[in-house]
Amino acid sequence: MNTFGRVAACGVISEYADAGKRAAPSMLNVVYKRINIRGFLAVDLMSAYADFISTTADYLRDGKIHVLEDISRGVENV
């Protein structure tokens, strides 16, 4: 992580069921590198959702962004 780096944290589902797992970084590095960590929930951004969908659809249609897919058929092939 770069000095003065920024981290956006949304969801830590791995911690919901296993208290032994920690998503948090070493706090010593956070302090020394002056890292900014900001948590948010998806619902915090619901007011921007319609605009996001519209803009993303335009970008896809215009070729400004491309979809990356990894499709597997059947659990045994994942």
PDB file of N, CA and C in Angstrom:
ATOM      1  N   MET A   1       0.840  -1.175   0.000  1.00  0.00           N
ATOM      2  CA  MET A   1       0.000   0.000   0.000  1.00  0.00           C
ATOM      3  C   MET A   1       0.887   1.241   0.000  1.00  0.00           C
ATOM      4  N   ASN A   2       0.535   2.203  -0.821  1.00  0.00           N
ATOM      5  CA  ASN A   2       1.297   3.450  -0.896  1.00  0.00           C
ATOM      6  C   ASN A   2       1.034   4.336   0.316  1.00  0.00           C
ATOM      7  N   THR A   3       2.018   5.174   0.633  1.00  0.00           N
ATOM      8  CA  THR A   3       1.821   6.174   1.674  1.00  0.00           C
ATOM      9  C   THR A   3       0.661   7.076   1.249  1.00  0.00           C
ATOM     10  N   PHE A   4      -0.188   7.413   2.201  1.00  0.00           N
ATOM     11  CA  PHE A   4      -1.404   8.196   1.973  1.00  0.00           C
ATOM     12  C   PHE A   4      -2.398   7.464   1.070  1.00  0.00           C
ATOM     13  N   GLY A   5      -2.324   6.130   1.049  1.00  0.00           N
ATOM     14  CA  GLY A   5      -3.249   5.337   0.257  1.00  0.00           C
ATOM     15  C   GLY A   5      -4.669   5.419   0.795  1.00  0.00           C
ATOM     16  N   ARG A   6      -5.617   5.044  -0.045  1.00  0.00           N
ATOM     17  CA  ARG A   6      -7.028   5.052   0.333  1.00  0.00           C
ATOM     18  C   ARG A   6      -7.624   3.674   0.100  1.00  0.00           C
ATOM     19  N   VAL A   7      -8.460   3.244   1.028  1.00  0.00           N
ATOM     20  CA  VAL A   7      -9.113   1.942   0.941  1.00  0.00           C
ATOM     21  C   VAL A   7     -10.605   2.146   1.140  1.00  0.00           C
ATOM     22  N   ALA A   8     -11.403   1.622   0.222  1.00  0.00           N
ATOM     23  CA  ALA A   8     -12.858   1.611   0.381  1.00  0.00           C
ATOM     24  C   ALA A   8     -13.241   0.200   0.807  1.00  0.00           C
ATOM     25  N   ALA A   9     -13.948   0.073   1.911  1.00  0.00           N
ATOM     26  CA  ALA A   9     -14.319  -1.244   2.442  1.00  0.00           C
ATOM     27  C   ALA A   9     -15.833  -1.381   2.447  1.00  0.00           C
ATOM     28  N   CYS A  10     -16.324  -2.342   1.668  1.00  0.00           N
ATOM     29  CA  CYS A  10     -17.761  -2.594   1.608  1.00  0.00           C
ATOM     30  C   CYS A  10     -17.983  -4.077   1.835  1.00  0.00           C
ATOM     31  N   GLY A  11     -18.547  -4.425   2.973  1.00  0.00           N
ATOM     32  CA  GLY A  11     -18.822  -5.825   3.266  1.00  0.00           C
ATOM     33  C   GLY A  11     -17.573  -6.575   3.675  1.00  0.00           C
ATOM     34  N   VAL A  12     -17.707  -7.406   4.633  1.00  0.00           N
ATOM     35  CA  VAL A  12     -16.637  -8.303   5.073  1.00  0.00           C
ATOM     36  C   VAL A  12     -17.294  -9.645   5.365  1.00  0.00           C
ATOM     37  N   ILE A  13     -17.932 -10.197   4.341  1.00  0.00           N
ATOM     38  CA  ILE A  13     -18.762 -11.381   4.514  1.00  0.00           C
ATOM     39  C   ILE A  13     -17.986 -12.563   5.080  1.00  0.00           C
ATOM     40  N   SER A  14     -16.682 -12.627   4.825  1.00  0.00           N
ATOM     41  CA  SER A  14     -15.900 -13.735   5.372  1.00  0.00           C
ATOM     42  C   SER A  14     -15.860 -13.688   6.890  1.00  0.00           C
ATOM     43  N   GLU A  15     -16.068 -12.520   7.476  1.00  0.00           N
ATOM     44  CA  GLU A  15     -16.052 -12.397   8.935  1.00  0.00           C
ATOM     45  C   GLU A  15     -17.403 -12.697   9.568  1.00  0.00           C
ATOM     46  N   TYR A  16     -18.462 -12.760   8.783  1.00  0.00           N
ATOM     47  CA  TYR A  16     -19.785 -12.987   9.348  1.00  0.00           C
ATOM     48  C   TYR A  16     -19.870 -14.330  10.060  1.00  0.00           C
ATOM     49  N   ALA A  17     -19.254 -15.353   9.461  1.00  0.00           N
ATOM     50  CA  ALA A  17     -19.393 -16.707   9.996  1.00  0.00           C
ATOM     51  C   ALA A  17     -18.149 -17.203  10.726  1.00  0.00           C
ATOM     52  N   ASP A  18     -17.014 -16.566  10.532  1.00  0.00           N
ATOM     53  CA  ASP A  18     -15.766 -17.048  11.118  1.00  0.00           C
ATOM     54  C   ASP A  18     -15.054 -15.909  11.842  1.00  0.00           C
ATOM     55  N   ALA A  19     -15.214 -15.866  13.144  1.00  0.00           N
ATOM     56  CA  ALA A  19     -14.603 -14.795  13.938  1.00  0.00           C
ATOM     57  C   ALA A  19     -13.079 -14.858  13.901  1.00  0.00           C
ATOM     58  N   GLY A  20     -12.510 -15.995  13.498  1.00  0.00           N
ATOM     59  CA  GLY A  20     -11.060 -16.142  13.438  1.00  0.00           C
ATOM     60  C   GLY A  20     -10.434 -15.430  12.254  1.00  0.00           C
ATOM     61  N   LYS A  21     -11.229 -15.118  11.239  1.00  0.00           N
ATOM     62  CA  LYS A  21     -10.718 -14.403  10.069  1.00  0.00           C
ATOM     63  C   LYS A  21     -10.858 -12.906  10.299  1.00  0.00           C
ATOM     64  N   ARG A  22      -9.833 -12.160   9.883  1.00  0.00           N
ATOM     65  CA  ARG A  22      -9.872 -10.711  10.032  1.00  0.00           C
ATOM     66  C   ARG A  22      -9.602 -10.057   8.689  1.00  0.00           C
ATOM     67  N   ALA A  23     -10.468  -9.162   8.306  1.00  0.00           N
ATOM     68  CA  ALA A  23     -10.282  -8.429   7.054  1.00  0.00           C
ATOM     69  C   ALA A  23      -9.422  -7.185   7.245  1.00  0.00           C
ATOM     70  N   ALA A  24      -9.237  -6.753   8.486  1.00  0.00           N
ATOM     71  CA  ALA A  24      -8.503  -5.511   8.758  1.00  0.00           C
ATOM     72  C   ALA A  24      -7.001  -5.697   8.548  1.00  0.00           C
ATOM     73  N   PRO A  25      -6.344  -4.661   8.032  1.00  0.00           N
ATOM     74  CA  PRO A  25      -4.887  -4.721   7.853  1.00  0.00           C
ATOM     75  C   PRO A  25      -4.175  -4.500   9.181  1.00  0.00           C
ATOM     76  N   SER A  26      -2.865  -4.646   9.154  1.00  0.00           N
ATOM     77  CA  SER A  26      -2.061  -4.314  10.324  1.00  0.00           C
ATOM     78  C   SER A  26      -2.216  -2.826  10.602  1.00  0.00           C
ATOM     79  N   MET A  27      -2.678  -2.488  11.790  1.00  0.00           N
ATOM     80  CA  MET A  27      -2.913  -1.083  12.115  1.00  0.00           C
ATOM     81  C   MET A  27      -1.608  -0.288  12.179  1.00  0.00           C
ATOM     82  N   LEU A  28      -0.495  -0.957  12.427  1.00  0.00           N
ATOM     83  CA  LEU A  28       0.791  -0.264  12.437  1.00  0.00           C
ATOM     84  C   LEU A  28       1.081   0.319  11.053  1.00  0.00           C
ATOM     85  N   ASN A  29       0.844  -0.474   9.997  1.00  0.00           N
ATOM     86  CA  ASN A  29       1.043   0.025   8.638  1.00  0.00           C
ATOM     87  C   ASN A  29       0.075   1.153   8.312  1.00  0.00           C
ATOM     88  N   VAL A  30      -1.156   1.043   8.797  1.00  0.00           N
ATOM     89  CA  VAL A  30      -2.150   2.097   8.556  1.00  0.00           C
ATOM     90  C   VAL A  30      -1.651   3.423   9.120  1.00  0.00           C
ATOM     91  N   VAL A  31      -1.111   3.387  10.322  1.00  0.00           N
ATOM     92  CA  VAL A  31      -0.623   4.615  10.959  1.00  0.00           C
ATOM     93  C   VAL A  31       0.643   5.124  10.271  1.00  0.00           C
ATOM     94  N   TYR A  32       1.642   4.264  10.094  1.00  0.00           N
ATOM     95  CA  TYR A  32       2.915   4.701   9.509  1.00  0.00           C
ATOM     96  C   TYR A  32       2.750   5.244   8.090  1.00  0.00           C
ATOM     97  N   LYS A  33       1.870   4.610   7.320  1.00  0.00           N
ATOM     98  CA  LYS A  33       1.692   5.035   5.933  1.00  0.00           C
ATOM     99  C   LYS A  33       0.551   6.036   5.760  1.00  0.00           C
ATOM    100  N   ARG A  34      -0.063   6.423   6.879  1.00  0.00           N
ATOM    101  CA  ARG A  34      -1.149   7.401   6.855  1.00  0.00           C
ATOM    102  C   ARG A  34      -2.246   7.002   5.879  1.00  0.00           C
ATOM    103  N   ILE A  35      -2.656   5.753   5.974  1.00  0.00           N
ATOM    104  CA  ILE A  35      -3.676   5.202   5.085  1.00  0.00           C
ATOM    105  C   ILE A  35      -5.068   5.596   5.575  1.00  0.00           C
ATOM    106  N   ASN A  36      -5.924   5.956   4.642  1.00  0.00           N
ATOM    107  CA  ASN A  36      -7.301   6.331   4.937  1.00  0.00           C
ATOM    108  C   ASN A  36      -8.209   5.150   4.588  1.00  0.00           C
ATOM    109  N   ILE A  37      -8.928   4.628   5.567  1.00  0.00           N
ATOM    110  CA  ILE A  37      -9.861   3.521   5.349  1.00  0.00           C
ATOM    111  C   ILE A  37     -11.264   4.041   5.601  1.00  0.00           C
ATOM    112  N   ARG A  38     -12.143   3.868   4.635  1.00  0.00           N
ATOM    113  CA  ARG A  38     -13.522   4.320   4.793  1.00  0.00           C
ATOM    114  C   ARG A  38     -14.470   3.183   4.461  1.00  0.00           C
ATOM    115  N   GLY A  39     -15.288   2.833   5.435  1.00  0.00           N
ATOM    116  CA  GLY A  39     -16.293   1.809   5.233  1.00  0.00           C
ATOM    117  C   GLY A  39     -17.580   2.413   4.708  1.00  0.00           C
ATOM    118  N   PHE A  40     -18.311   1.621   3.935  1.00  0.00           N
ATOM    119  CA  PHE A  40     -19.614   2.067   3.459  1.00  0.00           C
ATOM    120  C   PHE A  40     -20.491   0.853   3.198  1.00  0.00           C
ATOM    121  N   LEU A  41     -21.776   1.090   3.122  1.00  0.00           N
ATOM    122  CA  LEU A  41     -22.748   0.062   2.771  1.00  0.00           C
ATOM    123  C   LEU A  41     -23.320   0.402   1.400  1.00  0.00           C
ATOM    124  N   ALA A  42     -23.666  -0.611   0.624  1.00  0.00           N
ATOM    125  CA  ALA A  42     -24.218  -0.370  -0.707  1.00  0.00           C
ATOM    126  C   ALA A  42     -25.443   0.542  -0.647  1.00  0.00           C
ATOM    127  N   VAL A  43     -26.250   0.406   0.403  1.00  0.00           N
ATOM    128  CA  VAL A  43     -27.456   1.235   0.509  1.00  0.00           C
ATOM    129  C   VAL A  43     -27.117   2.717   0.675  1.00  0.00           C
ATOM    130  N   ASP A  44     -25.906   3.037   1.092  1.00  0.00           N
ATOM    131  CA  ASP A  44     -25.497   4.437   1.204  1.00  0.00           C
ATOM    132  C   ASP A  44     -25.516   5.132  -0.157  1.00  0.00           C
ATOM    133  N   LEU A  45     -25.396   4.357  -1.221  1.00  0.00           N
ATOM    134  CA  LEU A  45     -25.258   4.918  -2.562  1.00  0.00           C
ATOM    135  C   LEU A  45     -26.485   4.687  -3.440  1.00  0.00           C
ATOM    136  N   MET A  46     -27.596   4.288  -2.852  1.00  0.00           N
ATOM    137  CA  MET A  46     -28.793   3.991  -3.639  1.00  0.00           C
ATOM    138  C   MET A  46     -29.279   5.204  -4.431  1.00  0.00           C
ATOM    139  N   SER A  47     -29.059   6.401  -3.943  1.00  0.00           N
ATOM    140  CA  SER A  47     -29.498   7.596  -4.669  1.00  0.00           C
ATOM    141  C   SER A  47     -28.738   7.766  -5.990  1.00  0.00           C
ATOM    142  N   ALA A  48     -27.583   7.146  -6.128  1.00  0.00           N
ATOM    143  CA  ALA A  48     -26.780   7.241  -7.350  1.00  0.00           C
ATOM    144  C   ALA A  48     -27.002   6.055  -8.283  1.00  0.00           C
ATOM    145  N   TYR A  49     -27.820   5.083  -7.874  1.00  0.00           N
ATOM    146  CA  TYR A  49     -27.963   3.823  -8.612  1.00  0.00           C
ATOM    147  C   TYR A  49     -28.506   4.034 -10.028  1.00  0.00           C
ATOM    148  N   ALA A  50     -29.591   4.788 -10.178  1.00  0.00           N
ATOM    149  CA  ALA A  50     -30.202   4.976 -11.500  1.00  0.00           C
ATOM    150  C   ALA A  50     -29.214   5.631 -12.461  1.00  0.00           C
ATOM    151  N   ASP A  51     -28.494   6.641 -12.002  1.00  0.00           N
ATOM    152  CA  ASP A  51     -27.501   7.308 -12.842  1.00  0.00           C
ATOM    153  C   ASP A  51     -26.361   6.360 -13.193  1.00  0.00           C
ATOM    154  N   PHE A  52     -25.938   5.531 -12.225  1.00  0.00           N
ATOM    155  CA  PHE A  52     -24.876   4.551 -12.473  1.00  0.00           C
ATOM    156  C   PHE A  52     -25.286   3.577 -13.578  1.00  0.00           C
ATOM    157  N   ILE A  53     -26.515   3.039 -13.483  1.00  0.00           N
ATOM    158  CA  ILE A  53     -26.993   2.077 -14.485  1.00  0.00           C
ATOM    159  C   ILE A  53     -27.057   2.731 -15.861  1.00  0.00           C
ATOM    160  N   SER A  54     -27.582   3.930 -15.934  1.00  0.00           N
ATOM    161  CA  SER A  54     -27.694   4.641 -17.205  1.00  0.00           C
ATOM    162  C   SER A  54     -26.320   4.914 -17.818  1.00  0.00           C
ATOM    163  N   THR A  55     -25.408   5.440 -17.023  1.00  0.00           N
ATOM    164  CA  THR A  55     -24.063   5.762 -17.504  1.00  0.00           C
ATOM    165  C   THR A  55     -23.305   4.505 -17.905  1.00  0.00           C
ATOM    166  N   THR A  56     -23.412   3.454 -17.095  1.00  0.00           N
ATOM    167  CA  THR A  56     -22.727   2.197 -17.399  1.00  0.00           C
ATOM    168  C   THR A  56     -23.255   1.591 -18.691  1.00  0.00           C
ATOM    169  N   ALA A  57     -24.571   1.619 -18.889  1.00  0.00           N
ATOM    170  CA  ALA A  57     -25.160   1.102 -20.130  1.00  0.00           C
ATOM    171  C   ALA A  57     -24.640   1.880 -21.334  1.00  0.00           C
ATOM    172  N   ASP A  58     -24.554   3.203 -21.212  1.00  0.00           N
ATOM    173  CA  ASP A  58     -24.007   4.024 -22.299  1.00  0.00           C
ATOM    174  C   ASP A  58     -22.558   3.649 -22.585  1.00  0.00           C
ATOM    175  N   TYR A  59     -21.746   3.491 -21.545  1.00  0.00           N
ATOM    176  CA  TYR A  59     -20.336   3.134 -21.721  1.00  0.00           C
ATOM    177  C   TYR A  59     -20.181   1.767 -22.383  1.00  0.00           C
ATOM    178  N   LEU A  60     -21.008   0.805 -21.983  1.00  0.00           N
ATOM    179  CA  LEU A  60     -20.959  -0.524 -22.601  1.00  0.00           C
ATOM    180  C   LEU A  60     -21.339  -0.438 -24.076  1.00  0.00           C
ATOM    181  N   ARG A  61     -22.419   0.258 -24.364  1.00  0.00           N
ATOM    182  CA  ARG A  61     -22.900   0.397 -25.739  1.00  0.00           C
ATOM    183  C   ARG A  61     -21.861   1.102 -26.616  1.00  0.00           C
ATOM    184  N   ASP A  62     -21.177   2.112 -26.076  1.00  0.00           N
ATOM    185  CA  ASP A  62     -20.189   2.881 -26.840  1.00  0.00           C
ATOM    186  C   ASP A  62     -18.802   2.242 -26.862  1.00  0.00           C
ATOM    187  N   GLY A  63     -18.630   1.106 -26.161  1.00  0.00           N
ATOM    188  CA  GLY A  63     -17.345   0.419 -26.146  1.00  0.00           C
ATOM    189  C   GLY A  63     -16.305   1.064 -25.247  1.00  0.00           C
ATOM    190  N   LYS A  64     -16.726   1.963 -24.360  1.00  0.00           N
ATOM    191  CA  LYS A  64     -15.784   2.614 -23.440  1.00  0.00           C
ATOM    192  C   LYS A  64     -15.351   1.682 -22.316  1.00  0.00           C
ATOM    193  N   ILE A  65     -16.196   0.725 -21.982  1.00  0.00           N
ATOM    194  CA  ILE A  65     -15.850  -0.333 -21.026  1.00  0.00           C
ATOM    195  C   ILE A  65     -16.291  -1.659 -21.622  1.00  0.00           C
ATOM    196  N   HIS A  66     -15.677  -2.740 -21.178  1.00  0.00           N
ATOM    197  CA  HIS A  66     -15.977  -4.066 -21.701  1.00  0.00           C
ATOM    198  C   HIS A  66     -16.243  -5.029 -20.551  1.00  0.00           C
ATOM    199  N   VAL A  67     -17.152  -5.958 -20.803  1.00  0.00           N
ATOM    200  CA  VAL A  67     -17.501  -6.969 -19.809  1.00  0.00           C
ATOM    201  C   VAL A  67     -16.454  -8.077 -19.850  1.00  0.00           C
ATOM    202  N   LEU A  68     -15.988  -8.501 -18.684  1.00  0.00           N
ATOM    203  CA  LEU A  68     -15.076  -9.630 -18.561  1.00  0.00           C
ATOM    204  C   LEU A  68     -15.850 -10.751 -17.893  1.00  0.00           C
ATOM    205  N   GLU A  69     -16.062 -11.845 -18.594  1.00  0.00           N
ATOM    206  CA  GLU A  69     -16.850 -12.951 -18.058  1.00  0.00           C
ATOM    207  C   GLU A  69     -16.000 -14.207 -17.925  1.00  0.00           C
ATOM    208  N   ASP A  70     -16.299 -14.992 -16.927  1.00  0.00           N
ATOM    209  CA  ASP A  70     -15.703 -16.312 -16.726  1.00  0.00           C
ATOM    210  C   ASP A  70     -16.868 -17.251 -16.448  1.00  0.00           C
ATOM    211  N   ILE A  71     -17.332 -17.937 -17.477  1.00  0.00           N
ATOM    212  CA  ILE A  71     -18.533 -18.765 -17.368  1.00  0.00           C
ATOM    213  C   ILE A  71     -18.136 -20.226 -17.217  1.00  0.00           C
ATOM    214  N   SER A  72     -18.687 -20.882 -16.199  1.00  0.00           N
ATOM    215  CA  SER A  72     -18.459 -22.306 -15.966  1.00  0.00           C
ATOM    216  C   SER A  72     -19.806 -23.005 -15.934  1.00  0.00           C
ATOM    217  N   ARG A  73     -19.881 -24.168 -16.498  1.00  0.00           N
ATOM    218  CA  ARG A  73     -21.111 -24.959 -16.494  1.00  0.00           C
ATOM    219  C   ARG A  73     -20.960 -26.082 -15.480  1.00  0.00           C
ATOM    220  N   GLY A  74     -21.776 -26.059 -14.442  1.00  0.00           N
ATOM    221  CA  GLY A  74     -21.734 -27.099 -13.420  1.00  0.00           C
ATOM    222  C   GLY A  74     -20.730 -26.798 -12.328  1.00  0.00           C
ATOM    223  N   VAL A  75     -21.095 -27.171 -11.114  1.00  0.00           N
ATOM    224  CA  VAL A  75     -20.250 -26.914  -9.946  1.00  0.00           C
ATOM    225  C   VAL A  75     -18.891 -27.597 -10.082  1.00  0.00           C
ATOM    226  N   GLU A  76     -18.859 -28.757 -10.682  1.00  0.00           N
ATOM    227  CA  GLU A  76     -17.602 -29.498 -10.800  1.00  0.00           C
ATOM    228  C   GLU A  76     -16.590 -28.803 -11.710  1.00  0.00           C
ATOM    229  N   ASN A  77     -17.035 -27.846 -12.501  1.00  0.00           N
ATOM    230  CA  ASN A  77     -16.148 -27.127 -13.418  1.00  0.00           C
ATOM    231  C   ASN A  77     -15.720 -25.751 -12.913  1.00  0.00           C
ATOM    232  N   VAL A  78     -16.141 -25.397 -11.725  1.00  0.00           N
ATOM    233  CA  VAL A  78     -15.814 -24.073 -11.186  1.00  0.00           C
ATOM    234  C   VAL A  78     -14.411 -24.078 -10.635  1.00  0.00           C
TER     235      VAL A  78
END
